[in-house]
Amino acid sequence: MIKTNWDVLVIGAGPAGAAASKRSVESGFSTLLLERRSLPRDKVCSGMIMGPWAWEALDAHFGVLPEGILTKPPILKGHKFHVPGCRPQVLEWPTPLAWRKDFDFWLVQKARTAGVEVRDKIEIKEIDGTGNPLRVLFASPDGEKTITAQWIIGADGAGSLVRKKLFSGISWEFSIPLRECYTGSLALEKDYFHWFFPRGRPRPRFNINHKGNCFLIEGSGIPELREDINRTLIEYGFDPSCRPEWRDGCMVPKLHNDLVSGAFSPAKGNIMLVGDAAGLLLPITFEGIGTALKSGVLAADSIRQAAQKGKASAPIYLSTLQPIIEQIRLLLAWQKNVDQTAPMDPTTMARLIKEAYERTLIIN
């Protein structure tokens, strides 16, 4: 039986939700973490833990990442960028690799051990953000229930219900990355993440990565690039007549421009959005684990400061979020520069793409 009154309610059990809930309970707040799906749940994602923001947040707030939750290979050597007409550009960047189902559940278990109440198979029905305390109606296998909380953190992903409730009447645009899993392997180095640009431009693109006894084809341009994918991968041993073991997809919110311009501020009153729900994916690579972990911690810390000052948490959170938004602004400008200078000769374009991807990895 779930109690009805909480200090902090976190909706969504991905990296952002796990970080926010763990940090909140460690700050002395009673914290409930709700997840729509049954745990552990998967997510369409490369599963690369890519940059300093992710590494530092894991080390500081969750401890050493167990090798047992990583794939085979567990650590990628880096990235290879394949542009027709030139040799692949190589970016050496050691990167842990995991299935998100395993990685996210490890984070949630860490939060649970710290004292967070975790419940899955919960469907949020209504959010009333006007009162004090805030009220949430949800449905579970045990029936419907209303609970109250002083603060709500929306960590419920790209299609965030919390965002829809917070900004009702606004329509959002999305891209739809797809993922296809095939049994076996290709004649590509398994310890590199391979990015392909078959039309000699930064987009559309697709990527290949190996995990255990399978390889995955991923990207938002897969339907458009189907013939290009088949033609490109034949030389690496791909059989175009082969059917994937499974395929799935997800949504990516197009919020970068609104975040940078200030047209969209991912917090109001005592409700905050973190991770994908806030659109905090880095341009170019669209890596989101680092920003999810970092924003989850920032949201929890803003609650602690708000409680001490007797003020709403949103202004505090939005202020501390500015360094992330500034990095998004800089990466958008870098992405625009690459788009405007390409297409050009393949070697130059491949170099520019490599430099752009490297730029997303070194931010700290």
Protein backbone atom coordinates (compact mmCIF):
# COMPACT_ATOMS: atom_id res chain seq x y z
CA MET A 1 0.00 0.00 0.00
CA ILE A 2 1.43 3.39 -1.04
CA LYS A 3 1.14 6.15 1.56
CA THR A 4 -0.64 9.27 0.39
CA ASN A 5 1.65 12.14 1.42
CA TRP A 6 5.20 12.65 0.15
CA ASP A 7 7.78 15.39 0.05
CA VAL A 8 9.01 14.55 -3.46
CA LEU A 9 7.30 12.63 -6.24
CA VAL A 10 9.50 11.60 -9.19
CA ILE A 11 7.75 10.30 -12.31
CA GLY A 12 9.89 8.12 -14.58
CA ALA A 13 12.55 5.57 -13.61
CA GLY A 14 15.30 6.31 -16.12
CA PRO A 15 18.70 7.83 -15.24
CA ALA A 16 17.22 11.28 -14.54
CA GLY A 17 14.51 9.87 -12.27
CA ALA A 18 16.90 7.59 -10.44
CA ALA A 19 19.38 10.42 -9.85
CA ALA A 20 16.69 12.88 -8.75
CA SER A 21 15.00 10.45 -6.36
CA LYS A 22 18.23 9.15 -4.83
CA ARG A 23 19.55 12.66 -4.26
CA SER A 24 16.22 13.78 -2.79
CA VAL A 25 15.96 10.96 -0.27
CA GLU A 26 19.60 11.44 0.73
CA SER A 27 18.75 15.10 1.43
CA GLY A 28 16.14 13.95 3.96
CA PHE A 29 12.97 14.15 1.85
CA SER A 30 10.47 11.30 1.68
CA THR A 31 10.57 10.31 -1.98
CA LEU A 32 8.35 8.20 -4.22
CA LEU A 33 9.55 7.08 -7.68
CA LEU A 34 6.82 5.96 -10.10
CA GLU A 35 7.33 4.14 -13.41
CA ARG A 36 4.69 3.48 -16.07
CA ARG A 37 6.14 0.20 -17.30
CA SER A 38 7.17 -2.95 -15.48
CA LEU A 39 10.72 -2.81 -14.12
CA PRO A 40 13.25 -3.48 -15.43
CA ARG A 41 12.21 -1.79 -18.68
CA ASP A 42 14.16 -1.18 -21.88
CA LYS A 43 14.73 2.03 -23.81
CA VAL A 44 15.79 2.66 -27.39
CA CYS A 45 19.28 4.06 -26.90
CA SER A 46 22.85 3.27 -27.88
CA GLY A 47 23.62 2.56 -24.22
CA MET A 48 26.93 4.43 -24.42
CA ILE A 49 27.96 6.21 -21.23
CA MET A 50 29.82 8.80 -23.21
CA GLY A 51 31.21 11.85 -21.47
CA PRO A 52 32.49 13.48 -18.28
CA TRP A 53 29.02 14.58 -17.11
CA ALA A 54 27.86 10.95 -17.09
CA TRP A 55 31.07 9.53 -15.67
CA GLU A 56 31.34 12.11 -12.88
CA ALA A 57 27.68 11.82 -11.89
CA LEU A 58 27.91 8.03 -11.72
CA ASP A 59 31.07 8.14 -9.65
CA ALA A 60 29.78 10.80 -7.26
CA HIS A 61 26.20 9.62 -6.78
CA PHE A 62 26.06 5.91 -7.63
CA GLY A 63 29.58 4.51 -7.25
CA VAL A 64 31.54 2.22 -9.53
CA LEU A 65 29.64 0.90 -12.53
CA PRO A 66 29.67 -2.92 -12.23
CA GLU A 67 31.19 -4.71 -15.20
CA GLY A 68 28.37 -7.25 -14.97
CA ILE A 69 25.81 -4.79 -16.34
CA LEU A 70 27.95 -3.94 -19.37
CA THR A 71 27.76 -5.71 -22.71
CA LYS A 72 30.35 -7.56 -24.74
CA PRO A 73 32.40 -5.60 -25.58
CA PRO A 74 32.07 -3.77 -22.24
CA ILE A 75 34.25 -0.79 -23.20
CA LEU A 76 34.32 0.66 -26.71
CA LYS A 77 37.60 2.10 -27.94
CA GLY A 78 35.79 4.96 -29.60
CA HIS A 79 33.95 6.00 -32.74
CA LYS A 80 34.49 5.55 -36.49
CA PHE A 81 32.90 7.89 -39.02
CA HIS A 82 32.25 6.44 -42.46
CA VAL A 83 31.78 8.90 -45.34
CA PRO A 84 31.79 7.59 -48.92
CA GLY A 85 34.93 8.48 -50.81
CA CYS A 86 37.41 8.58 -47.92
CA ARG A 87 38.91 6.42 -45.21
CA PRO A 88 37.00 6.30 -41.92
CA GLN A 89 37.85 9.00 -39.42
CA VAL A 90 38.64 7.56 -35.98
CA LEU A 91 37.91 9.21 -32.66
CA GLU A 92 39.53 7.35 -29.78
CA TRP A 93 37.27 7.73 -26.76
CA PRO A 94 36.93 4.83 -24.26
CA THR A 95 33.20 4.38 -23.65
CA PRO A 96 31.32 1.92 -21.40
CA LEU A 97 28.49 0.19 -23.26
CA ALA A 98 25.33 -1.34 -21.79
CA TRP A 99 21.78 -2.31 -22.58
CA ARG A 100 19.69 0.45 -21.08
CA LYS A 101 17.44 -2.11 -19.41
CA ASP A 102 20.35 -3.28 -17.28
CA PHE A 103 21.95 0.12 -16.74
CA ASP A 104 18.75 1.93 -15.74
CA PHE A 105 17.64 -0.85 -13.38
CA TRP A 106 21.00 -0.75 -11.61
CA LEU A 107 20.47 2.99 -11.02
CA VAL A 108 16.93 2.39 -9.73
CA GLN A 109 18.13 -0.32 -7.37
CA LYS A 110 20.72 2.09 -6.00
CA ALA A 111 17.95 4.63 -5.39
CA ARG A 112 15.79 2.00 -3.70
CA THR A 113 18.67 0.96 -1.43
CA ALA A 114 19.11 4.61 -0.45
CA GLY A 115 15.51 4.71 0.78
CA VAL A 116 13.42 5.69 -2.26
CA GLU A 117 10.00 4.01 -2.51
CA VAL A 118 9.81 2.59 -6.05
CA ARG A 119 6.57 1.51 -7.73
CA ASP A 120 6.10 0.34 -11.33
CA LYS A 121 3.09 -0.32 -13.59
CA ILE A 122 1.70 3.09 -12.61
CA GLU A 123 -0.36 5.17 -15.05
CA ILE A 124 -0.60 8.87 -14.25
CA LYS A 125 -4.15 10.11 -14.81
CA GLU A 126 -4.17 13.70 -13.57
CA ILE A 127 -1.70 16.22 -12.19
CA ASP A 128 -2.96 19.26 -10.31
CA GLY A 129 -0.06 21.68 -10.10
CA THR A 130 -2.04 24.63 -8.84
CA GLY A 131 -2.41 23.78 -5.18
CA ASN A 132 -0.15 23.34 -2.21
CA PRO A 133 0.53 20.50 -1.87
CA LEU A 134 0.48 19.22 -5.47
CA ARG A 135 -1.95 16.40 -6.23
CA VAL A 136 -1.55 13.41 -8.56
CA LEU A 137 -4.13 10.82 -9.49
CA PHE A 138 -2.75 7.52 -10.80
CA ALA A 139 -3.94 4.03 -11.64
CA SER A 140 -2.12 0.90 -10.55
CA PRO A 141 -2.95 -2.82 -10.54
CA ASP A 142 -4.55 -2.13 -7.14
CA GLY A 143 -6.84 0.60 -8.48
CA GLU A 144 -6.82 4.41 -8.60
CA LYS A 145 -5.30 6.56 -5.91
CA THR A 146 -4.59 10.23 -5.23
CA ILE A 147 -1.37 11.25 -3.54
CA THR A 148 0.08 14.63 -2.60
CA ALA A 149 3.63 15.95 -2.78
CA GLN A 150 5.38 19.25 -2.13
CA TRP A 151 7.49 18.84 -5.27
CA ILE A 152 7.14 16.90 -8.52
CA ILE A 153 10.03 16.00 -10.80
CA GLY A 154 9.02 14.92 -14.30
CA ALA A 155 11.54 12.38 -15.55
CA ASP A 156 9.12 10.59 -17.85
CA GLY A 157 10.98 10.85 -21.14
CA ALA A 158 10.43 12.41 -24.53
CA GLY A 159 6.65 12.03 -24.49
CA SER A 160 6.47 13.39 -20.94
CA LEU A 161 2.97 13.54 -19.50
CA VAL A 162 4.24 15.94 -16.86
CA ARG A 163 5.41 18.31 -19.63
CA LYS A 164 2.02 18.07 -21.34
CA LYS A 165 0.25 18.91 -18.07
CA LEU A 166 2.68 21.71 -17.28
CA PHE A 167 2.39 23.28 -20.73
CA SER A 168 -1.11 22.29 -21.84
CA GLY A 169 -2.18 23.54 -25.26
CA ILE A 170 1.35 23.55 -26.73
CA SER A 171 2.19 21.03 -29.46
CA TRP A 172 5.70 19.61 -29.70
CA GLU A 173 7.62 18.23 -32.66
CA PHE A 174 9.50 14.93 -32.45
CA SER A 175 11.90 12.83 -34.47
CA ILE A 176 11.48 9.04 -34.39
CA PRO A 177 14.72 7.05 -34.06
CA LEU A 178 14.36 3.35 -34.90
CA ARG A 179 16.38 0.33 -33.84
CA GLU A 180 16.72 -3.06 -35.50
CA CYS A 181 18.47 -6.01 -33.85
CA TYR A 182 20.04 -8.79 -35.94
CA THR A 183 21.62 -12.01 -34.75
CA GLY A 184 25.29 -12.40 -35.68
CA SER A 185 27.94 -9.83 -36.50
CA LEU A 186 29.29 -7.70 -39.33
CA ALA A 187 32.87 -7.34 -40.53
CA LEU A 188 33.24 -4.14 -38.52
CA GLU A 189 35.37 -3.74 -35.41
CA LYS A 190 33.11 -4.65 -32.51
CA ASP A 191 34.91 -2.36 -30.09
CA TYR A 192 34.06 0.79 -32.08
CA PHE A 193 30.75 2.56 -32.56
CA HIS A 194 30.28 3.05 -36.31
CA TRP A 195 28.53 6.12 -37.75
CA PHE A 196 27.58 6.04 -41.44
CA PHE A 197 26.78 9.05 -43.64
CA PRO A 198 25.91 7.30 -46.92
CA ARG A 199 24.81 10.44 -48.77
CA GLY A 200 27.91 12.44 -47.96
CA ARG A 201 26.08 14.83 -45.63
CA PRO A 202 25.76 15.08 -41.84
CA ARG A 203 22.15 13.87 -42.10
CA PRO A 204 20.49 11.49 -42.67
CA ARG A 205 22.77 9.00 -40.95
CA PHE A 206 22.65 5.60 -39.28
CA ASN A 207 24.89 3.74 -36.86
CA ILE A 208 26.02 0.19 -36.20
CA ASN A 209 27.05 -1.26 -32.86
CA HIS A 210 27.62 -4.80 -31.61
CA LYS A 211 26.28 -6.11 -28.31
CA GLY A 212 27.02 -9.72 -27.40
CA ASN A 213 25.82 -12.06 -30.15
CA CYS A 214 23.93 -9.41 -32.10
CA PHE A 215 24.38 -6.14 -33.95
CA LEU A 216 22.04 -3.17 -34.12
CA ILE A 217 21.16 -0.73 -36.88
CA GLU A 218 19.94 2.52 -35.38
CA GLY A 219 18.91 5.97 -36.52
CA SER A 220 16.04 8.31 -37.25
CA GLY A 221 16.66 8.07 -41.00
CA ILE A 222 16.36 4.29 -41.34
CA PRO A 223 13.20 4.23 -43.52
CA GLU A 224 14.61 6.92 -45.80
CA LEU A 225 18.01 5.22 -45.96
CA ARG A 226 16.90 1.60 -46.39
CA GLU A 227 18.47 1.14 -49.83
CA ASP A 228 21.58 3.07 -48.76
CA ILE A 229 21.91 0.88 -45.66
CA ASN A 230 21.64 -2.33 -47.67
CA ARG A 231 24.11 -1.12 -50.29
CA THR A 232 26.58 0.16 -47.69
CA LEU A 233 26.53 -2.87 -45.40
CA ILE A 234 26.76 -5.60 -48.05
CA GLU A 235 30.54 -5.17 -48.12
CA TYR A 236 30.60 -5.91 -44.39
CA GLY A 237 28.65 -9.16 -44.76
CA PHE A 238 25.08 -7.92 -44.33
CA ASP A 239 22.33 -9.88 -46.08
CA PRO A 240 19.58 -7.43 -47.16
CA SER A 241 17.05 -10.28 -47.23
CA CYS A 242 17.65 -10.98 -43.53
CA ARG A 243 14.90 -9.90 -41.16
CA PRO A 244 15.66 -8.43 -37.73
CA GLU A 245 14.99 -10.42 -34.57
CA TRP A 246 13.08 -7.38 -33.36
CA ARG A 247 12.67 -3.70 -34.05
CA ASP A 248 11.48 -0.81 -31.93
CA GLY A 249 11.58 2.95 -31.78
CA CYS A 250 11.23 6.00 -29.60
CA MET A 251 10.55 9.72 -29.76
CA VAL A 252 13.07 12.56 -29.43
CA PRO A 253 11.58 15.99 -28.61
CA LYS A 254 12.76 18.89 -30.75
CA LEU A 255 13.17 21.41 -27.94
CA HIS A 256 16.71 22.72 -28.45
CA ASN A 257 15.80 26.01 -30.09
CA ASP A 258 13.04 26.71 -27.58
CA LEU A 259 15.37 25.95 -24.67
CA VAL A 260 18.10 28.23 -25.99
CA SER A 261 15.72 31.09 -26.83
CA GLY A 262 13.93 30.84 -23.49
CA ALA A 263 10.58 30.11 -25.15
CA PHE A 264 10.51 26.87 -23.15
CA SER A 265 11.56 26.80 -19.50
CA PRO A 266 11.34 23.28 -18.08
CA ALA A 267 9.98 24.20 -14.64
CA LYS A 268 7.05 26.00 -13.03
CA GLY A 269 6.45 26.56 -9.34
CA ASN A 270 7.45 23.33 -7.61
CA ILE A 271 7.34 21.14 -10.73
CA MET A 272 10.55 20.49 -12.66
CA LEU A 273 11.38 18.54 -15.81
CA VAL A 274 14.65 16.67 -16.13
CA GLY A 275 16.46 14.63 -18.80
CA ASP A 276 14.55 13.86 -22.00
CA ALA A 277 11.36 15.33 -20.55
CA ALA A 278 13.14 18.70 -20.48
CA GLY A 279 14.64 18.19 -23.96
CA LEU A 280 18.15 18.06 -22.52
CA LEU A 281 19.71 15.90 -25.22
CA LEU A 282 22.98 17.20 -26.60
CA PRO A 283 22.83 18.27 -30.24
CA ILE A 284 24.92 16.37 -32.81
CA THR A 285 25.22 13.05 -30.95
CA PHE A 286 21.87 13.32 -29.13
CA GLU A 287 23.52 11.80 -26.09
CA GLY A 288 21.29 12.14 -23.05
CA ILE A 289 22.55 10.01 -20.17
CA GLY A 290 24.99 12.62 -18.88
CA THR A 291 22.49 15.47 -19.02
CA ALA A 292 19.80 13.24 -17.49
CA LEU A 293 21.94 12.38 -14.47
CA LYS A 294 23.17 15.94 -14.06
CA SER A 295 19.73 17.56 -14.36
CA GLY A 296 18.23 15.01 -11.96
CA VAL A 297 20.77 15.96 -9.31
CA LEU A 298 20.25 19.68 -9.98
CA ALA A 299 16.49 19.33 -9.56
CA ALA A 300 16.90 17.53 -6.25
CA ASP A 301 19.40 20.11 -5.02
CA SER A 302 17.03 22.93 -5.97
CA ILE A 303 14.39 21.32 -3.73
CA ARG A 304 16.78 21.33 -0.81
CA GLN A 305 17.62 25.02 -1.39
CA ALA A 306 13.97 25.94 -1.90
CA ALA A 307 12.99 24.25 1.35
CA GLN A 308 15.69 26.16 3.23
CA LYS A 309 14.63 29.50 1.73
CA GLY A 310 10.88 28.89 1.77
CA LYS A 311 10.66 29.62 -1.96
CA ALA A 312 9.53 27.81 -5.12
CA SER A 313 12.12 25.48 -6.60
CA ALA A 314 11.66 26.37 -10.29
CA PRO A 315 13.72 29.61 -10.33
CA ILE A 316 16.57 27.92 -8.48
CA TYR A 317 16.53 24.92 -10.81
CA LEU A 318 16.36 27.03 -13.97
CA SER A 319 19.32 29.09 -12.79
CA THR A 320 21.49 26.03 -12.12
CA LEU A 321 20.41 24.53 -15.46
CA GLN A 322 21.88 27.39 -17.47
CA PRO A 323 25.36 25.83 -17.99
CA ILE A 324 23.71 22.83 -19.67
CA ILE A 325 21.55 25.09 -21.85
CA GLU A 326 24.62 27.14 -22.76
CA GLN A 327 26.40 23.99 -23.94
CA ILE A 328 23.33 23.12 -26.02
CA ARG A 329 23.50 26.60 -27.56
CA LEU A 330 27.17 26.19 -28.46
CA LEU A 331 26.61 22.73 -29.93
CA LEU A 332 23.67 23.99 -32.00
CA ALA A 333 25.95 26.64 -33.50
CA TRP A 334 28.61 24.01 -34.20
CA GLN A 335 26.00 21.76 -35.82
CA LYS A 336 24.76 24.63 -38.00
CA ASN A 337 28.31 25.35 -39.12
CA VAL A 338 28.84 21.72 -40.16
CA ASP A 339 25.51 21.68 -41.99
CA GLN A 340 26.35 24.88 -43.86
CA THR A 341 29.86 23.84 -44.89
CA ALA A 342 28.81 20.38 -46.08
CA PRO A 343 28.63 18.79 -48.53
CA MET A 344 32.20 19.35 -49.61
CA ASP A 345 35.01 16.96 -50.39
CA PRO A 346 34.49 13.72 -48.40
CA THR A 347 37.72 13.95 -46.37
CA THR A 348 37.00 17.48 -45.15
CA MET A 349 33.42 16.63 -44.30
CA ALA A 350 34.44 13.50 -42.38
CA ARG A 351 36.96 15.58 -40.42
CA LEU A 352 34.34 18.21 -39.58
CA ILE A 353 31.89 15.55 -38.41
CA LYS A 354 34.55 13.95 -36.22
CA GLU A 355 35.41 17.34 -34.69
CA ALA A 356 31.74 18.06 -34.02
CA TYR A 357 31.22 14.74 -32.27
CA GLU A 358 34.38 15.21 -30.25
CA ARG A 359 33.12 18.60 -29.14
CA THR A 360 30.08 16.98 -27.52
CA LEU A 361 32.28 14.56 -25.59
CA ILE A 362 34.74 16.99 -24.02
CA ILE A 363 32.24 19.35 -22.38
CA ASN A 364 32.51 19.41 -18.62
